[in-house]
Amino acid sequence: MTENYATSPTVALVHGAFADAGSFAGVTELLLAAGVKVQALVNPLRGIAFDSAYVASALSQIPGPVLAVGHSYGGAIISNAATSTPNVVGLVFVAAFAPDENEVLSAVEGTSRDSALGPALVQAQYPTGNGDETAVELYVNPTAFYEVFASDLSEAQAGVLGASQRPVAAAAFDEKSGVPAWKTLPSWAVVATGDKAAGADVILSMAKRAGAEIVELEGSHVIMISRPQEVTDVILTALRKLA
């Protein structure tokens, strides 16, 4: 990619729930080594509308074209955010939701036969900033993190991820999604066949509906951590096709 560095898209990586930008560390390293411009963005994890507005603002401030890459819940965010960011030229969904307009993630997740996430979730409270008001946020029980999220990593590595996860506002899973950018932008998708968090069945169905070019990889929900090279290869393929 280095010969077209000035005009080639920047890859914007958007993490999902129960994670942070570090979840894309391996992919980021490989993309930088390939001469690709990269920004790993922060996803606030406070709700579809709020997070999409924040990410849209970040995307719009990246100079030149952008290829937006989302993991898990981050897929819903890039699809919502990219409807208002003309510099986004393509989408890559990595074990990611690609909801349609008015879809609610909790309802979609409820149809999955593969997901084991629900029973593993634990509730906590966070301050909303409105006086003493609090709201519910969710995190994955650390004792279940390996089995549900990261069964193709070592138990020690999964333990670190479970201990350092970022909770997501429960409202994010009950908020209607907006007009999806995948209806107008070229899309690619990595589907992890052993995904017990989002559910491989739901993720594959959404990717097909979005008309994405699909690569299925054996692995867990954190496929970008366990198989960073293969995920990077999909991103590089997207960049070549957008050139």
Protein backbone atom coordinates (compact mmCIF):
# COMPACT_ATOMS: atom_id res chain seq x y z
CA MET A 1 0.00 0.00 0.00
CA THR A 2 2.96 2.34 0.47
CA GLU A 3 3.11 3.50 -3.15
CA ASN A 4 -0.37 5.07 -2.86
CA TYR A 5 0.01 6.13 0.76
CA ALA A 6 -1.05 9.75 0.25
CA THR A 7 -4.36 8.94 -1.43
CA SER A 8 -5.21 5.50 -0.04
CA PRO A 9 -7.94 5.20 2.60
CA THR A 10 -7.19 5.36 6.28
CA VAL A 11 -8.41 2.27 8.11
CA ALA A 12 -10.53 3.30 11.11
CA LEU A 13 -10.90 0.47 13.63
CA VAL A 14 -13.93 0.59 15.94
CA HIS A 15 -14.00 -1.86 18.84
CA GLY A 16 -17.08 -3.50 20.28
CA ALA A 17 -18.66 -3.90 23.68
CA PHE A 18 -16.67 -5.30 26.62
CA ALA A 19 -13.47 -4.18 24.87
CA ASP A 20 -11.31 -1.22 23.92
CA ALA A 21 -9.13 -0.15 21.00
CA GLY A 22 -6.42 -2.52 22.21
CA SER A 23 -8.49 -5.43 20.94
CA PHE A 24 -7.29 -4.44 17.46
CA ALA A 25 -3.62 -4.23 18.48
CA GLY A 26 -2.49 -7.19 16.40
CA VAL A 27 -4.35 -6.01 13.32
CA THR A 28 -3.08 -2.46 13.82
CA GLU A 29 0.51 -3.69 13.95
CA LEU A 30 0.11 -5.69 10.75
CA LEU A 31 -1.58 -2.86 8.88
CA LEU A 32 1.12 -0.38 9.88
CA ALA A 33 3.77 -2.85 8.76
CA ALA A 34 2.00 -3.01 5.39
CA GLY A 35 2.21 0.77 5.05
CA VAL A 36 -1.47 1.41 5.75
CA LYS A 37 -2.72 4.49 7.58
CA VAL A 38 -4.61 3.42 10.70
CA GLN A 39 -6.59 4.99 13.51
CA ALA A 40 -8.02 2.85 16.31
CA LEU A 41 -10.97 4.86 17.59
CA VAL A 42 -12.65 4.96 20.97
CA ASN A 43 -16.21 3.66 21.09
CA PRO A 44 -17.93 5.18 24.17
CA LEU A 45 -20.30 2.19 24.62
CA ARG A 46 -23.13 4.37 25.90
CA GLY A 47 -25.79 3.73 23.22
CA ILE A 48 -26.38 3.43 19.48
CA ALA A 49 -27.19 7.11 18.84
CA PHE A 50 -24.56 8.53 21.18
CA ASP A 51 -21.79 6.20 20.06
CA SER A 52 -22.62 6.61 16.38
CA ALA A 53 -22.53 10.41 16.67
CA TYR A 54 -19.17 10.25 18.46
CA VAL A 55 -17.64 7.86 15.94
CA ALA A 56 -19.11 9.81 13.01
CA SER A 57 -17.40 12.93 14.32
CA ALA A 58 -14.09 11.08 14.61
CA LEU A 59 -14.43 9.58 11.13
CA SER A 60 -15.28 12.91 9.54
CA GLN A 61 -12.11 14.46 10.98
CA ILE A 62 -9.83 11.88 9.34
CA PRO A 63 -8.34 13.45 6.19
CA GLY A 64 -9.23 11.69 2.95
CA PRO A 65 -11.15 8.48 2.37
CA VAL A 66 -11.79 6.04 5.20
CA LEU A 67 -12.41 2.30 5.37
CA ALA A 68 -14.37 1.74 8.57
CA VAL A 69 -13.84 -1.57 10.37
CA GLY A 70 -16.09 -2.61 13.23
CA HIS A 71 -15.96 -5.52 15.64
CA SER A 72 -19.12 -6.90 17.25
CA TYR A 73 -21.26 -3.97 18.51
CA GLY A 74 -18.80 -1.73 16.65
CA GLY A 75 -20.31 -3.04 13.41
CA ALA A 76 -23.64 -1.49 14.31
CA ILE A 77 -21.85 1.75 15.15
CA ILE A 78 -19.89 2.06 11.88
CA SER A 79 -23.00 1.28 9.86
CA ASN A 80 -24.95 4.02 11.64
CA ALA A 81 -22.06 6.50 11.71
CA ALA A 82 -21.11 6.14 8.06
CA THR A 83 -24.50 7.36 6.84
CA SER A 84 -23.42 10.89 7.79
CA THR A 85 -19.72 10.70 6.89
CA PRO A 86 -19.20 11.02 3.12
CA ASN A 87 -15.49 10.22 3.41
CA VAL A 88 -16.24 6.62 4.43
CA VAL A 89 -15.91 4.54 1.27
CA GLY A 90 -16.35 1.00 2.60
CA LEU A 91 -17.18 -1.11 5.63
CA VAL A 92 -15.60 -4.23 7.12
CA PHE A 93 -17.56 -6.19 9.71
CA VAL A 94 -15.45 -8.41 11.98
CA ALA A 95 -17.67 -10.83 13.92
CA ALA A 96 -19.94 -7.83 13.83
CA PHE A 97 -23.57 -6.85 13.85
CA ALA A 98 -24.91 -5.17 10.71
CA PRO A 99 -28.44 -4.19 11.76
CA ASP A 100 -31.12 -2.85 9.47
CA GLU A 101 -33.14 0.28 10.18
CA ASN A 102 -35.26 0.02 13.36
CA GLU A 103 -33.68 -3.28 14.38
CA VAL A 104 -32.81 -3.74 18.06
CA LEU A 105 -29.71 -5.75 18.92
CA SER A 106 -31.25 -7.52 21.91
CA ALA A 107 -34.08 -8.81 19.73
CA VAL A 108 -31.68 -9.94 17.02
CA GLU A 109 -29.41 -11.60 19.56
CA GLY A 110 -32.40 -13.41 21.01
CA THR A 111 -32.85 -15.31 17.75
CA SER A 112 -29.34 -16.81 17.85
CA ARG A 113 -28.94 -20.52 18.48
CA ASP A 114 -25.15 -20.10 18.79
CA SER A 115 -24.89 -17.28 21.31
CA ALA A 116 -24.26 -18.06 24.98
CA LEU A 117 -23.80 -14.42 25.96
CA GLY A 118 -27.06 -13.72 27.80
CA PRO A 119 -26.50 -15.90 30.87
CA ALA A 120 -22.92 -14.65 31.18
CA LEU A 121 -23.88 -10.98 31.53
CA VAL A 122 -23.69 -9.19 34.88
CA GLN A 123 -25.34 -5.87 35.70
CA ALA A 124 -23.75 -2.83 37.29
CA GLN A 125 -24.75 0.82 37.68
CA TYR A 126 -23.17 3.95 36.24
CA PRO A 127 -23.96 7.64 36.79
CA THR A 128 -25.79 9.25 33.88
CA GLY A 129 -24.61 12.78 34.76
CA ASN A 130 -28.17 13.82 35.60
CA GLY A 131 -27.99 14.42 39.35
CA ASP A 132 -27.93 11.19 41.29
CA GLU A 133 -29.54 9.22 38.45
CA THR A 134 -27.93 5.94 37.47
CA ALA A 135 -28.47 3.47 34.65
CA VAL A 136 -27.63 -0.15 34.02
CA GLU A 137 -24.46 -1.23 32.26
CA LEU A 138 -23.41 -4.76 31.42
CA TYR A 139 -20.20 -6.72 31.57
CA VAL A 140 -19.30 -10.34 30.98
CA ASN A 141 -18.72 -12.42 34.08
CA PRO A 142 -14.93 -12.86 34.01
CA THR A 143 -15.32 -16.55 34.88
CA ALA A 144 -17.28 -17.01 31.63
CA PHE A 145 -15.11 -14.82 29.40
CA TYR A 146 -12.94 -17.65 28.09
CA GLU A 147 -15.82 -19.92 27.15
CA VAL A 148 -18.14 -17.28 25.69
CA PHE A 149 -15.74 -14.77 24.16
CA ALA A 150 -12.27 -16.14 23.64
CA SER A 151 -12.09 -19.94 23.63
CA ASP A 152 -9.36 -19.95 20.97
CA LEU A 153 -7.00 -17.92 23.17
CA SER A 154 -5.15 -19.20 26.20
CA GLU A 155 -7.14 -19.10 29.42
CA ALA A 156 -4.56 -16.69 30.78
CA GLN A 157 -5.00 -14.27 27.87
CA ALA A 158 -8.78 -14.55 28.11
CA GLY A 159 -8.46 -13.80 31.82
CA VAL A 160 -6.64 -10.57 31.11
CA LEU A 161 -9.31 -9.52 28.61
CA GLY A 162 -12.06 -10.37 31.07
CA ALA A 163 -10.39 -8.37 33.82
CA SER A 164 -9.86 -5.31 31.61
CA GLN A 165 -13.17 -5.23 29.74
CA ARG A 166 -15.20 -2.04 29.37
CA PRO A 167 -18.89 -2.35 30.23
CA VAL A 168 -21.57 -1.27 27.78
CA ALA A 169 -24.77 0.58 28.66
CA ALA A 170 -27.66 -1.89 28.67
CA ALA A 171 -29.70 0.65 26.72
CA ALA A 172 -27.38 0.16 23.73
CA PHE A 173 -28.94 -3.24 23.11
CA ASP A 174 -32.50 -1.91 23.31
CA GLU A 175 -32.10 1.14 21.08
CA LYS A 176 -33.33 1.11 17.49
CA SER A 177 -30.67 1.26 14.80
CA GLY A 178 -30.80 3.92 12.08
CA VAL A 179 -30.49 3.80 8.31
CA PRO A 180 -27.62 1.37 7.57
CA ALA A 181 -24.64 2.48 5.54
CA TRP A 182 -24.22 -1.05 4.17
CA LYS A 183 -27.13 -0.38 1.84
CA THR A 184 -25.01 2.10 -0.10
CA LEU A 185 -21.37 1.18 0.64
CA PRO A 186 -19.34 -1.88 -0.40
CA SER A 187 -18.93 -4.22 2.53
CA TRP A 188 -16.76 -7.12 3.64
CA ALA A 189 -17.33 -9.44 6.58
CA VAL A 190 -15.31 -11.84 8.68
CA VAL A 191 -17.54 -14.45 10.29
CA ALA A 192 -16.04 -16.47 13.15
CA THR A 193 -17.62 -19.91 12.96
CA GLY A 194 -17.15 -20.53 16.69
CA ASP A 195 -18.62 -17.19 17.80
CA LYS A 196 -20.57 -17.86 21.02
CA ALA A 197 -20.94 -14.19 21.94
CA ALA A 198 -22.70 -12.45 19.06
CA GLY A 199 -23.60 -15.84 17.60
CA ALA A 200 -22.11 -17.12 14.35
CA ASP A 201 -25.58 -17.74 12.89
CA VAL A 202 -26.78 -14.17 13.41
CA ILE A 203 -23.52 -12.64 12.18
CA LEU A 204 -23.52 -14.76 9.01
CA SER A 205 -27.16 -13.93 8.29
CA MET A 206 -26.55 -10.20 8.70
CA ALA A 207 -23.44 -10.31 6.51
CA LYS A 208 -25.37 -12.04 3.74
CA ARG A 209 -28.21 -9.53 3.99
CA ALA A 210 -25.72 -6.66 3.76
CA GLY A 211 -24.34 -8.10 0.52
CA ALA A 212 -20.89 -8.30 2.07
CA GLU A 213 -18.02 -10.31 0.66
CA ILE A 214 -17.76 -12.95 3.36
CA VAL A 215 -14.76 -14.82 4.73
CA GLU A 216 -15.55 -17.50 7.31
CA LEU A 217 -12.76 -18.30 9.77
CA GLU A 218 -12.66 -20.93 12.47
CA GLY A 219 -12.36 -19.12 15.75
CA SER A 220 -14.04 -17.28 18.60
CA HIS A 221 -15.71 -13.90 18.85
CA VAL A 222 -12.31 -12.21 19.23
CA ILE A 223 -11.13 -13.52 15.87
CA MET A 224 -9.07 -10.37 15.28
CA ILE A 225 -6.98 -11.29 18.33
CA SER A 226 -6.65 -15.01 17.65
CA ARG A 227 -6.18 -14.70 13.87
CA PRO A 228 -4.96 -11.15 13.21
CA GLN A 229 -3.25 -11.97 9.91
CA GLU A 230 -6.38 -13.42 8.31
CA VAL A 231 -8.48 -10.48 9.48
CA THR A 232 -5.84 -8.07 8.21
CA ASP A 233 -5.87 -9.86 4.86
CA VAL A 234 -9.59 -9.15 4.50
CA ILE A 235 -8.99 -5.47 5.25
CA LEU A 236 -6.14 -5.34 2.71
CA THR A 237 -8.40 -7.01 0.13
CA ALA A 238 -11.01 -4.31 0.74
CA LEU A 239 -8.39 -1.59 0.33
CA ARG A 240 -7.22 -3.06 -2.96
CA LYS A 241 -10.75 -3.24 -4.31
CA LEU A 242 -11.44 0.34 -3.26
CA ALA A 243 -8.31 1.65 -4.96
